[in-house]
Amino acid sequence: MTAPAAEGEAALAAAAAALGTGCRQSEGPRGEAVLDFWVPAPADPGRLADALAAAGVAARVEAAAESDAWRDAMRRFHQPVEVAGRLLVRPPWAPPRSGLLDVVVEPGMAFGTAQHATTRTCLELLCALPAGGPLLDAGCGSGVLAVAARRLGFDPVTAVDVDPLSVAATVENARRNGVALTVGRRRIGADPLPAAATVTANLTATVLRELAAALPPPGPRWLLASGMRPEEVAGVEAAFAGRLGLRRARVVERDGWATALLGRP
């Protein structure tokens, strides 16, 4: 997919929301944004082009068979990520490291391999929370946060997502790691969500505000909210404070993104 440089970020956000899959981003010869997404066959460029147009993004969308170059690029991009001296999030082809809790994620099928700043900061803050008790991962993507939570000692862990590819990827990654998760397809704001003492939510500011209205009262003790730009944090915090009484404990900004840890006083 190719989009004007000025619309590269908007194209990435809209395409990721439509496809729910990982992306390789590069720059074209004239400075344009070139985005390569992995999708299961058969691909439907027209559907993605329509979704982008609806989001106000002008982009040229093409489909091509997976190549050796794409597979090699995926392997170069998806390197192991060490988190807080406790976790190692790694693709299946990378070896484990002694002394670190192992989280193995097959990249490509869904967002969330710890390469993105929002995932890394969620994991860092999750490592700092007292482990134990139920956890809900709302918008689970690949399931990396849910699997990491089980490794850290949270139990039971429920992972939900509206995207069937994300649900399937989370189930597969739970099996790959040998952890027990409850995984289901849910639409935030339309389907009931389970109560949990800790909630992780790497979504968008809009969906985070919907989540604030959807969580059953009295709400969690701790909530990790990510996927926001720094200027969006205040509005998300207000939504959770107004209905559930959650207040800011910490905000981490990285690479233009923000992750907020909200807690109950």
Protein backbone atom coordinates (compact mmCIF):
# COMPACT_ATOMS: atom_id res chain seq x y z
CA MET A 1 0.00 0.00 0.00
CA THR A 2 1.33 3.47 -0.93
CA ALA A 3 0.14 6.75 0.55
CA PRO A 4 1.39 10.36 0.52
CA ALA A 5 4.02 10.95 3.21
CA ALA A 6 1.74 13.35 5.08
CA GLU A 7 -0.94 10.66 5.31
CA GLY A 8 1.36 7.77 6.22
CA GLU A 9 0.40 7.70 9.89
CA ALA A 10 -3.33 7.98 9.16
CA ALA A 11 -3.01 5.22 6.54
CA LEU A 12 -1.21 2.97 9.00
CA ALA A 13 -3.87 3.51 11.69
CA ALA A 14 -6.78 2.95 9.31
CA ALA A 15 -5.24 -0.10 7.63
CA ALA A 16 -4.26 -1.68 10.93
CA ALA A 17 -7.78 -1.22 12.24
CA ALA A 18 -9.22 -2.79 9.09
CA LEU A 19 -6.77 -5.70 8.86
CA GLY A 20 -5.70 -6.35 12.45
CA THR A 21 -2.25 -7.51 11.36
CA GLY A 22 1.41 -6.56 11.55
CA CYS A 23 3.05 -4.12 9.15
CA ARG A 24 6.41 -3.30 7.58
CA GLN A 25 6.81 0.44 6.93
CA SER A 26 9.29 2.05 4.55
CA GLU A 27 9.76 5.14 2.41
CA GLY A 28 9.29 5.17 -1.36
CA PRO A 29 11.64 6.85 -3.86
CA ARG A 30 9.66 10.12 -3.74
CA GLY A 31 9.21 10.13 0.03
CA GLU A 32 5.81 8.42 0.00
CA ALA A 33 4.81 6.01 2.79
CA VAL A 34 4.96 2.35 1.75
CA LEU A 35 3.14 -0.05 4.07
CA ASP A 36 3.30 -3.84 3.65
CA PHE A 37 0.75 -5.88 5.58
CA TRP A 38 0.64 -9.64 5.91
CA VAL A 39 -2.89 -11.00 5.42
CA PRO A 40 -4.20 -14.54 4.93
CA ALA A 41 -5.05 -15.45 1.33
CA PRO A 42 -7.10 -14.50 -0.55
CA ALA A 43 -6.33 -10.80 -0.09
CA ASP A 44 -8.96 -8.19 -0.96
CA PRO A 45 -7.29 -4.89 -1.95
CA GLY A 46 -10.65 -3.32 -2.82
CA ARG A 47 -11.99 -3.82 0.69
CA LEU A 48 -8.96 -2.15 2.23
CA ALA A 49 -9.08 0.71 -0.30
CA ASP A 50 -12.73 1.30 0.62
CA ALA A 51 -11.89 1.33 4.35
CA LEU A 52 -9.10 3.83 3.77
CA ALA A 53 -11.31 6.04 1.63
CA ALA A 54 -13.96 6.01 4.36
CA ALA A 55 -11.26 7.21 6.77
CA GLY A 56 -10.34 10.01 4.37
CA VAL A 57 -7.02 8.47 3.31
CA ALA A 58 -6.03 8.36 -0.36
CA ALA A 59 -3.83 5.32 -0.96
CA ARG A 60 -3.00 2.85 -3.70
CA VAL A 61 -3.57 -0.73 -2.52
CA GLU A 62 -2.16 -3.78 -4.25
CA ALA A 63 -1.90 -7.47 -3.36
CA ALA A 64 1.18 -9.64 -3.94
CA ALA A 65 2.20 -13.15 -2.96
CA GLU A 66 4.42 -13.49 0.10
CA SER A 67 8.05 -13.49 -0.99
CA ASP A 68 11.36 -14.62 0.46
CA ALA A 69 12.26 -10.93 0.86
CA TRP A 70 9.14 -10.32 2.97
CA ARG A 71 9.87 -13.34 5.17
CA ASP A 72 13.49 -12.23 5.60
CA ALA A 73 12.36 -8.69 6.47
CA MET A 74 9.91 -10.05 9.05
CA ARG A 75 12.71 -12.01 10.71
CA ARG A 76 15.00 -8.99 10.78
CA PHE A 77 12.28 -6.76 12.22
CA HIS A 78 10.90 -9.10 14.87
CA GLN A 79 13.83 -9.32 17.26
CA PRO A 80 13.50 -10.48 20.88
CA VAL A 81 12.45 -7.75 23.30
CA GLU A 82 13.55 -7.87 26.94
CA VAL A 83 11.15 -6.15 29.33
CA ALA A 84 12.01 -4.87 32.81
CA GLY A 85 14.59 -7.60 33.33
CA ARG A 86 11.73 -10.10 33.76
CA LEU A 87 10.21 -10.98 30.38
CA LEU A 88 11.56 -11.96 26.99
CA VAL A 89 9.06 -11.52 24.15
CA ARG A 90 10.47 -13.39 21.18
CA PRO A 91 9.50 -14.92 17.84
CA PRO A 92 9.65 -18.72 17.61
CA TRP A 93 12.98 -18.70 15.73
CA ALA A 94 14.84 -16.80 18.51
CA PRO A 95 16.19 -18.76 21.51
CA PRO A 96 15.02 -18.20 25.11
CA ARG A 97 17.28 -16.49 27.65
CA SER A 98 18.09 -17.86 31.06
CA GLY A 99 16.45 -16.03 33.96
CA LEU A 100 13.70 -14.41 31.88
CA LEU A 101 10.05 -15.44 31.65
CA ASP A 102 9.48 -16.61 28.09
CA VAL A 103 6.70 -15.18 25.89
CA VAL A 104 6.76 -16.64 22.37
CA VAL A 105 4.67 -14.79 19.77
CA GLU A 106 4.28 -15.72 16.11
CA PRO A 107 4.38 -12.34 14.32
CA GLY A 108 2.22 -11.41 11.36
CA MET A 109 -1.17 -12.78 12.28
CA ALA A 110 -2.17 -9.87 14.54
CA PHE A 111 -0.89 -6.71 16.14
CA GLY A 112 1.21 -7.00 19.28
CA THR A 113 4.72 -8.46 19.21
CA ALA A 114 6.33 -5.94 21.64
CA GLN A 115 8.00 -4.09 18.77
CA HIS A 116 5.59 -1.17 19.11
CA ALA A 117 6.07 1.38 21.89
CA THR A 118 2.51 0.94 23.18
CA THR A 119 2.99 -2.80 23.71
CA ARG A 120 6.41 -2.39 25.34
CA THR A 121 5.21 0.26 27.78
CA CYS A 122 2.15 -1.84 28.69
CA LEU A 123 4.44 -4.78 29.45
CA GLU A 124 6.80 -2.63 31.51
CA LEU A 125 3.99 -1.25 33.65
CA LEU A 126 2.39 -4.69 33.94
CA CYS A 127 5.67 -6.05 35.32
CA ALA A 128 5.58 -3.37 38.04
CA LEU A 129 2.07 -4.28 39.27
CA PRO A 130 1.46 -6.76 42.09
CA ALA A 131 0.75 -10.05 40.33
CA GLY A 132 -2.17 -12.32 41.07
CA GLY A 133 -5.90 -12.30 40.68
CA PRO A 134 -8.04 -12.02 37.55
CA LEU A 135 -6.98 -9.94 34.56
CA LEU A 136 -8.90 -8.86 31.46
CA ASP A 137 -7.03 -8.03 28.25
CA ALA A 138 -9.52 -5.94 26.27
CA GLY A 139 -8.51 -5.85 22.62
CA CYS A 140 -5.97 -8.66 22.86
CA GLY A 141 -4.44 -8.50 19.35
CA SER A 142 -1.88 -11.31 19.26
CA GLY A 143 -2.41 -12.10 22.95
CA VAL A 144 1.06 -10.95 24.02
CA LEU A 145 -0.23 -9.02 27.06
CA ALA A 146 -2.49 -11.89 28.11
CA VAL A 147 0.27 -14.49 27.79
CA ALA A 148 2.72 -12.23 29.63
CA ALA A 149 0.16 -11.72 32.41
CA ARG A 150 -0.11 -15.48 32.92
CA ARG A 151 3.67 -15.76 32.99
CA LEU A 152 3.76 -13.04 35.66
CA GLY A 153 1.24 -14.87 37.83
CA PHE A 154 -2.14 -13.30 37.04
CA ASP A 155 -4.91 -15.93 37.06
CA PRO A 156 -7.44 -16.32 35.56
CA VAL A 157 -6.73 -14.25 32.45
CA THR A 158 -9.45 -13.44 29.93
CA ALA A 159 -8.58 -12.05 26.47
CA VAL A 160 -11.20 -10.56 24.15
CA ASP A 161 -11.12 -8.91 20.73
CA VAL A 162 -13.67 -8.07 18.05
CA ASP A 163 -11.38 -9.35 15.27
CA PRO A 164 -11.62 -13.13 14.66
CA LEU A 165 -8.01 -13.17 13.42
CA SER A 166 -6.88 -11.72 16.74
CA VAL A 167 -8.93 -14.27 18.67
CA ALA A 168 -7.38 -17.11 16.62
CA ALA A 169 -3.87 -15.69 17.04
CA THR A 170 -4.32 -15.37 20.80
CA VAL A 171 -5.53 -18.97 21.09
CA GLU A 172 -2.55 -20.17 19.04
CA ASN A 173 -0.05 -18.14 21.05
CA ALA A 174 -1.55 -19.41 24.32
CA ARG A 175 -1.05 -22.98 23.07
CA ARG A 176 2.48 -22.16 21.90
CA ASN A 177 3.34 -20.91 25.39
CA GLY A 178 1.49 -23.61 27.27
CA VAL A 179 -0.66 -21.19 29.27
CA ALA A 180 -4.38 -21.29 30.00
CA LEU A 181 -6.42 -18.33 28.80
CA THR A 182 -10.13 -17.73 28.33
CA VAL A 183 -10.37 -16.19 24.86
CA GLY A 184 -13.50 -14.84 23.19
CA ARG A 185 -14.82 -12.49 20.55
CA ARG A 186 -16.40 -9.39 22.07
CA ARG A 187 -17.23 -5.93 20.78
CA ILE A 188 -16.51 -3.31 23.40
CA GLY A 189 -19.63 -1.30 24.08
CA ALA A 190 -21.96 -3.95 22.66
CA ASP A 191 -21.06 -7.19 24.44
CA PRO A 192 -20.75 -7.76 28.21
CA LEU A 193 -17.24 -7.87 29.66
CA PRO A 194 -16.13 -9.84 32.72
CA ALA A 195 -15.10 -8.14 35.94
CA ALA A 196 -11.38 -8.25 36.73
CA ALA A 197 -9.12 -6.64 39.30
CA THR A 198 -6.64 -5.68 36.57
CA VAL A 199 -7.45 -4.62 33.00
CA THR A 200 -5.06 -4.08 30.11
CA ALA A 201 -6.31 -2.22 27.05
CA ASN A 202 -4.02 -1.30 24.14
CA LEU A 203 -6.66 0.25 21.91
CA THR A 204 -7.34 3.78 20.65
CA ALA A 205 -8.52 6.78 22.62
CA THR A 206 -12.02 6.44 21.17
CA VAL A 207 -12.35 2.77 22.10
CA LEU A 208 -10.78 3.37 25.51
CA ARG A 209 -13.55 5.86 26.29
CA GLU A 210 -16.09 3.24 25.18
CA LEU A 211 -14.37 0.74 27.47
CA ALA A 212 -14.81 3.09 30.42
CA ALA A 213 -18.57 2.89 29.90
CA ALA A 214 -18.54 -0.87 29.25
CA LEU A 215 -16.61 -2.26 32.22
CA PRO A 216 -18.90 -3.60 34.95
CA PRO A 217 -18.87 -1.56 38.17
CA PRO A 218 -17.12 -1.06 40.50
CA GLY A 219 -14.37 -1.47 37.88
CA PRO A 220 -10.80 -2.73 38.23
CA ARG A 221 -8.24 -1.85 40.88
CA TRP A 222 -5.70 -1.19 38.15
CA LEU A 223 -6.12 -0.32 34.49
CA LEU A 224 -3.41 -0.05 31.86
CA ALA A 225 -4.65 2.10 28.99
CA SER A 226 -2.50 2.49 25.87
CA GLY A 227 -2.73 3.32 22.17
CA MET A 228 -3.19 7.04 22.85
CA ARG A 229 -1.34 10.11 21.71
CA PRO A 230 -0.14 12.24 24.66
CA GLU A 231 -2.77 14.90 24.02
CA GLU A 232 -5.53 12.27 24.29
CA VAL A 233 -4.62 11.06 27.79
CA ALA A 234 -6.63 13.66 29.71
CA GLY A 235 -9.88 12.78 27.93
CA VAL A 236 -9.39 9.05 28.51
CA GLU A 237 -8.53 9.62 32.18
CA ALA A 238 -11.66 11.72 32.63
CA ALA A 239 -13.84 8.94 31.22
CA PHE A 240 -12.49 6.36 33.68
CA ALA A 241 -12.48 8.78 36.60
CA GLY A 242 -16.05 9.89 36.03
CA ARG A 243 -17.66 6.47 35.98
CA LEU A 244 -15.24 4.16 37.83
CA GLY A 245 -13.26 6.48 40.07
CA LEU A 246 -9.89 5.57 38.58
CA ARG A 247 -7.11 8.14 38.89
CA ARG A 248 -3.71 8.59 37.28
CA ALA A 249 -0.89 6.66 38.91
CA ARG A 250 1.66 6.99 36.13
CA VAL A 251 1.91 8.00 32.46
CA VAL A 252 4.75 6.86 30.18
CA GLU A 253 5.33 8.57 26.83
CA ARG A 254 7.48 6.95 24.16
CA ASP A 255 7.87 7.43 20.41
CA GLY A 256 4.87 9.76 20.29
CA TRP A 257 2.55 7.38 22.15
CA ALA A 258 1.28 7.36 25.74
CA THR A 259 0.41 4.61 28.19
CA ALA A 260 -1.47 5.45 31.40
CA LEU A 261 -1.64 3.40 34.57
CA LEU A 262 -4.88 4.28 36.36
CA GLY A 263 -5.73 3.06 39.85
CA ARG A 264 -8.29 3.31 42.59
CA PRO A 265 -7.31 5.61 45.50
